[in-house]
Amino acid sequence: MVIVTVKPSRINAGPAPEMSDHEWLLQEASKIAAGLAETLAPLCEVVVHDLTNPEHAIIQIENNLSGRSVGDGATELGLARMADPSFPDIIANYANAFADGRPAKSTSIGLRDKSGRFVAAICINMDLSYLKAIGGYLNALTQLKPNGNTVRESLSGARQDSLNDKILAFSARKNRDPRSLTSDERRELLQMLADEGELDRRGAADQIGTMIGVSRSNVYYYLKGEKAKRA
């Protein structure tokens, strides 16, 4: 039994003349796996499977979190994919677990040859244990409790709340966070607020700048640019 070991290539080159279509496909899958692993390290394992060799399917493991080795056999999902040509090409974000019990989120991508047969797979396994721990800390940190009396406290005035609501509503219509608005969107927002008189009150420019991530002087710069465009 021959185990094909593929080394990820960093050179943008076509297949060598002596390479079979299958070897070329595994080489390309290897490069994708290496790139994904570098991007998602250290919480994500990326595995390349050669489904034509089920007993020794694993040909590459990046960021090894599962303790498996090159030459190990296919998983149950890999075997199911090999047996069923109608198996989905992509199964994304399904619940999984490592051998030691750590929870994982997995995605399996099947690769077919020209005849439509599954011959390889790229599997992505993300370790959720660390992320769940961080989530628990954040949940505890942001936990709120009643203040114990009937007095409702506000840390901002009614007009400040109104201005914040307008900025958030505008950003939502653009499918953005206020700080990720483009320059043109900032100008549009500021002109809208100016037309509604929001910039006439004291401290408005500072409040707007804080919300959209620019300085007070930039608020007026954007507004000036919008006025020049309209002139």
Protein backbone atom coordinates (compact mmCIF):
# COMPACT_ATOMS: atom_id res chain seq x y z
CA MET A 1 0.00 0.00 0.00
CA VAL A 2 1.52 3.33 -1.07
CA ILE A 3 0.90 6.40 1.09
CA VAL A 4 1.09 9.63 -0.90
CA THR A 5 2.59 12.42 1.22
CA VAL A 6 2.04 15.88 -0.19
CA LYS A 7 4.18 18.82 0.84
CA PRO A 8 2.47 22.23 0.57
CA SER A 9 3.99 24.25 -2.23
CA ARG A 10 4.60 27.99 -1.90
CA ILE A 11 5.36 28.38 -5.62
CA ASN A 12 2.66 29.21 -8.12
CA ALA A 13 3.44 26.50 -10.64
CA GLY A 14 1.38 24.10 -12.72
CA PRO A 15 1.46 20.33 -12.30
CA ALA A 16 4.66 18.52 -13.18
CA PRO A 17 4.34 16.49 -16.39
CA GLU A 18 4.71 13.20 -14.49
CA MET A 19 1.94 14.01 -11.99
CA SER A 20 -1.44 12.31 -12.31
CA ASP A 21 -4.64 14.35 -12.07
CA HIS A 22 -5.19 12.89 -8.61
CA GLU A 23 -1.73 13.87 -7.37
CA TRP A 24 -2.22 17.36 -8.76
CA LEU A 25 -5.57 17.68 -6.95
CA LEU A 26 -3.98 16.61 -3.66
CA GLN A 27 -1.17 19.12 -4.17
CA GLU A 28 -3.67 21.95 -4.64
CA ALA A 29 -5.71 20.79 -1.63
CA SER A 30 -2.50 20.80 0.40
CA LYS A 31 -1.82 24.44 -0.40
CA ILE A 32 -5.37 25.44 0.59
CA ALA A 33 -5.03 23.52 3.87
CA ALA A 34 -1.71 25.18 4.69
CA GLY A 35 -3.13 28.65 4.02
CA LEU A 36 -6.24 28.03 6.13
CA ALA A 37 -4.15 26.66 8.97
CA GLU A 38 -1.86 29.68 9.03
CA THR A 39 -4.84 32.02 9.01
CA LEU A 40 -6.78 30.23 11.74
CA ALA A 41 -3.89 29.12 13.99
CA PRO A 42 -3.68 28.08 16.75
CA LEU A 43 -7.30 27.11 17.39
CA CYS A 44 -8.00 25.28 14.14
CA GLU A 45 -6.76 21.96 12.79
CA VAL A 46 -6.86 21.41 9.02
CA VAL A 47 -6.62 17.91 7.59
CA VAL A 48 -6.31 16.68 3.99
CA HIS A 49 -7.74 13.21 3.27
CA ASP A 50 -7.02 11.04 0.24
CA LEU A 51 -10.33 9.22 -0.08
CA THR A 52 -8.94 6.74 -2.59
CA ASN A 53 -6.89 5.21 0.23
CA PRO A 54 -9.34 4.96 3.16
CA GLU A 55 -7.11 2.90 5.46
CA HIS A 56 -4.40 5.56 5.27
CA ALA A 57 -6.48 8.54 4.19
CA ILE A 58 -4.75 11.32 6.15
CA ILE A 59 -1.93 12.79 4.09
CA GLN A 60 -1.54 16.14 5.86
CA ILE A 61 -2.38 17.63 9.27
CA GLU A 62 -1.79 21.30 10.05
CA ASN A 63 -2.08 22.62 13.65
CA ASN A 64 -2.56 19.08 14.95
CA LEU A 65 -5.19 19.25 17.72
CA SER A 66 -6.64 15.75 17.45
CA GLY A 67 -3.46 13.75 18.02
CA ARG A 68 -3.84 11.88 14.74
CA SER A 69 -0.97 11.21 12.34
CA VAL A 70 -0.29 11.15 8.63
CA GLY A 71 -1.25 7.66 7.46
CA ASP A 72 -4.23 7.28 9.80
CA GLY A 73 -7.53 6.12 8.35
CA ALA A 74 -10.58 8.05 7.22
CA THR A 75 -13.23 9.16 9.69
CA GLU A 76 -16.82 7.88 9.64
CA LEU A 77 -17.86 10.93 7.65
CA GLY A 78 -15.10 10.32 5.13
CA LEU A 79 -16.18 6.72 4.68
CA ALA A 80 -19.80 7.80 4.24
CA ARG A 81 -18.77 10.32 1.59
CA MET A 82 -16.79 7.68 -0.30
CA ALA A 83 -19.78 5.32 -0.32
CA ASP A 84 -22.37 7.85 -1.50
CA PRO A 85 -21.84 10.01 -4.63
CA SER A 86 -24.87 12.12 -3.61
CA PHE A 87 -23.23 13.04 -0.29
CA PRO A 88 -23.08 16.86 0.16
CA ASP A 89 -19.92 18.51 -1.11
CA ILE A 90 -19.79 20.75 1.96
CA ILE A 91 -20.98 20.05 5.50
CA ALA A 92 -20.28 23.18 7.52
CA ASN A 93 -20.14 23.99 11.22
CA TYR A 94 -21.30 20.66 12.63
CA ALA A 95 -20.77 19.69 16.27
CA ASN A 96 -17.80 17.42 16.88
CA ALA A 97 -15.36 16.51 19.66
CA PHE A 98 -11.68 15.65 20.01
CA ALA A 99 -10.64 12.36 21.61
CA ASP A 100 -10.06 14.04 25.00
CA GLY A 101 -13.57 15.48 25.03
CA ARG A 102 -12.84 19.04 23.92
CA PRO A 103 -15.78 20.39 21.91
CA ALA A 104 -15.10 21.19 18.27
CA LYS A 105 -16.82 22.80 15.33
CA SER A 106 -16.04 21.04 12.09
CA THR A 107 -16.43 21.66 8.37
CA SER A 108 -15.81 18.97 5.75
CA ILE A 109 -15.27 19.83 2.08
CA GLY A 110 -15.36 16.99 -0.43
CA LEU A 111 -13.34 17.22 -3.63
CA ARG A 112 -14.40 15.28 -6.74
CA ASP A 113 -12.49 14.15 -9.78
CA LYS A 114 -13.67 14.88 -13.32
CA SER A 115 -16.03 11.91 -13.24
CA GLY A 116 -17.80 13.27 -10.16
CA ARG A 117 -16.36 10.73 -7.71
CA PHE A 118 -15.19 11.93 -4.29
CA VAL A 119 -11.42 11.47 -4.17
CA ALA A 120 -10.25 13.88 -1.47
CA ALA A 121 -11.48 16.06 1.37
CA ILE A 122 -10.34 19.06 3.37
CA CYS A 123 -11.56 18.98 6.97
CA ILE A 124 -11.44 21.94 9.35
CA ASN A 125 -11.74 21.28 13.09
CA MET A 126 -11.92 24.29 15.41
CA ASP A 127 -11.25 23.84 19.14
CA LEU A 128 -14.16 25.54 20.94
CA SER A 129 -12.95 24.90 24.50
CA TYR A 130 -10.81 28.03 24.71
CA LEU A 131 -13.43 30.17 22.98
CA LYS A 132 -16.18 28.85 25.27
CA ALA A 133 -14.01 29.71 28.30
CA ILE A 134 -13.47 33.24 27.01
CA GLY A 135 -17.21 33.48 26.31
CA GLY A 136 -17.91 32.45 29.89
CA TYR A 137 -15.59 35.13 31.24
CA LEU A 138 -17.18 37.77 29.01
CA ASN A 139 -20.67 36.65 30.01
CA ALA A 140 -19.77 36.97 33.68
CA LEU A 141 -18.15 40.34 33.09
CA THR A 142 -21.21 41.71 31.30
CA GLN A 143 -23.78 40.19 33.67
CA LEU A 144 -26.26 42.83 34.87
CA LYS A 145 -28.31 42.93 38.06
CA PRO A 146 -31.11 45.20 39.31
CA ASN A 147 -29.88 48.16 41.35
CA GLY A 148 -32.17 47.22 44.24
CA ASN A 149 -34.55 50.16 44.11
CA THR A 150 -37.11 51.71 41.78
CA VAL A 151 -34.90 54.59 40.62
CA ARG A 152 -33.92 54.34 36.96
CA GLU A 153 -30.53 55.91 36.30
CA SER A 154 -29.39 57.22 32.92
CA LEU A 155 -25.79 58.17 32.20
CA SER A 156 -26.74 60.36 29.25
CA GLY A 157 -29.32 62.98 28.50
CA ALA A 158 -32.38 62.37 26.38
CA ARG A 159 -30.93 64.28 23.43
CA GLN A 160 -27.72 62.27 23.62
CA ASP A 161 -29.73 59.07 23.50
CA SER A 162 -31.69 60.40 20.53
CA LEU A 163 -28.50 61.31 18.64
CA ASN A 164 -26.95 57.90 19.36
CA ASP A 165 -30.13 56.18 18.16
CA LYS A 166 -30.06 58.13 14.90
CA ILE A 167 -26.42 57.19 14.25
CA LEU A 168 -27.08 53.53 15.03
CA ALA A 169 -30.19 53.47 12.84
CA PHE A 170 -28.29 55.03 9.92
CA SER A 171 -25.43 52.52 10.32
CA ALA A 172 -27.88 49.62 10.46
CA ARG A 173 -29.40 50.72 7.15
CA LYS A 174 -25.91 50.52 5.66
CA ASN A 175 -25.25 47.11 7.29
CA ARG A 176 -22.26 48.53 9.12
CA ASP A 177 -20.95 49.37 12.56
CA PRO A 178 -20.80 53.18 13.06
CA ARG A 179 -16.99 53.08 13.11
CA SER A 180 -16.82 51.16 9.83
CA LEU A 181 -18.82 53.66 7.76
CA THR A 182 -17.08 54.73 4.55
CA SER A 183 -16.07 58.35 3.98
CA ASP A 184 -19.07 58.94 1.71
CA GLU A 185 -21.41 57.36 4.28
CA ARG A 186 -19.97 59.55 7.04
CA ARG A 187 -20.60 62.65 4.96
CA GLU A 188 -24.16 61.49 4.26
CA LEU A 189 -24.77 60.82 7.96
CA LEU A 190 -23.36 64.16 9.08
CA GLN A 191 -25.38 66.08 6.53
CA MET A 192 -28.52 64.28 7.69
CA LEU A 193 -27.76 65.16 11.31
CA ALA A 194 -26.99 68.76 10.38
CA ASP A 195 -30.26 69.05 8.45
CA GLU A 196 -32.09 67.81 11.54
CA GLY A 197 -30.38 70.37 13.77
CA GLU A 198 -28.39 67.86 15.78
CA LEU A 199 -25.10 69.68 15.26
CA ASP A 200 -26.48 72.94 16.68
CA ARG A 201 -26.33 71.78 20.28
CA ARG A 202 -23.25 71.90 22.47
CA GLY A 203 -21.05 68.80 22.47
CA ALA A 204 -22.76 67.18 19.50
CA ALA A 205 -19.62 67.07 17.33
CA ASP A 206 -17.64 65.34 20.08
CA GLN A 207 -20.41 62.80 20.65
CA ILE A 208 -20.75 62.06 16.92
CA GLY A 209 -16.97 61.77 16.53
CA THR A 210 -16.82 59.24 19.37
CA MET A 211 -19.61 57.18 17.82
CA ILE A 212 -18.13 57.03 14.30
CA GLY A 213 -14.46 56.94 15.31
CA VAL A 214 -13.22 60.34 14.10
CA SER A 215 -12.03 63.53 15.79
CA ARG A 216 -14.25 66.58 16.38
CA SER A 217 -12.39 68.50 13.66
CA ASN A 218 -12.96 65.63 11.21
CA VAL A 219 -16.70 65.84 11.85
CA TYR A 220 -16.68 69.38 10.49
CA TYR A 221 -14.26 68.38 7.73
CA TYR A 222 -16.67 65.72 6.45
CA LEU A 223 -19.58 68.12 6.80
CA LYS A 224 -17.69 70.78 4.85
CA GLY A 225 -16.97 68.28 2.10
CA GLU A 226 -20.64 67.35 1.82
CA LYS A 227 -21.66 71.00 1.59
CA ALA A 228 -19.07 71.61 -1.16
CA LYS A 229 -20.46 68.61 -3.06
CA ARG A 230 -23.96 70.05 -2.91
CA ALA A 231 -22.87 73.54 -3.99
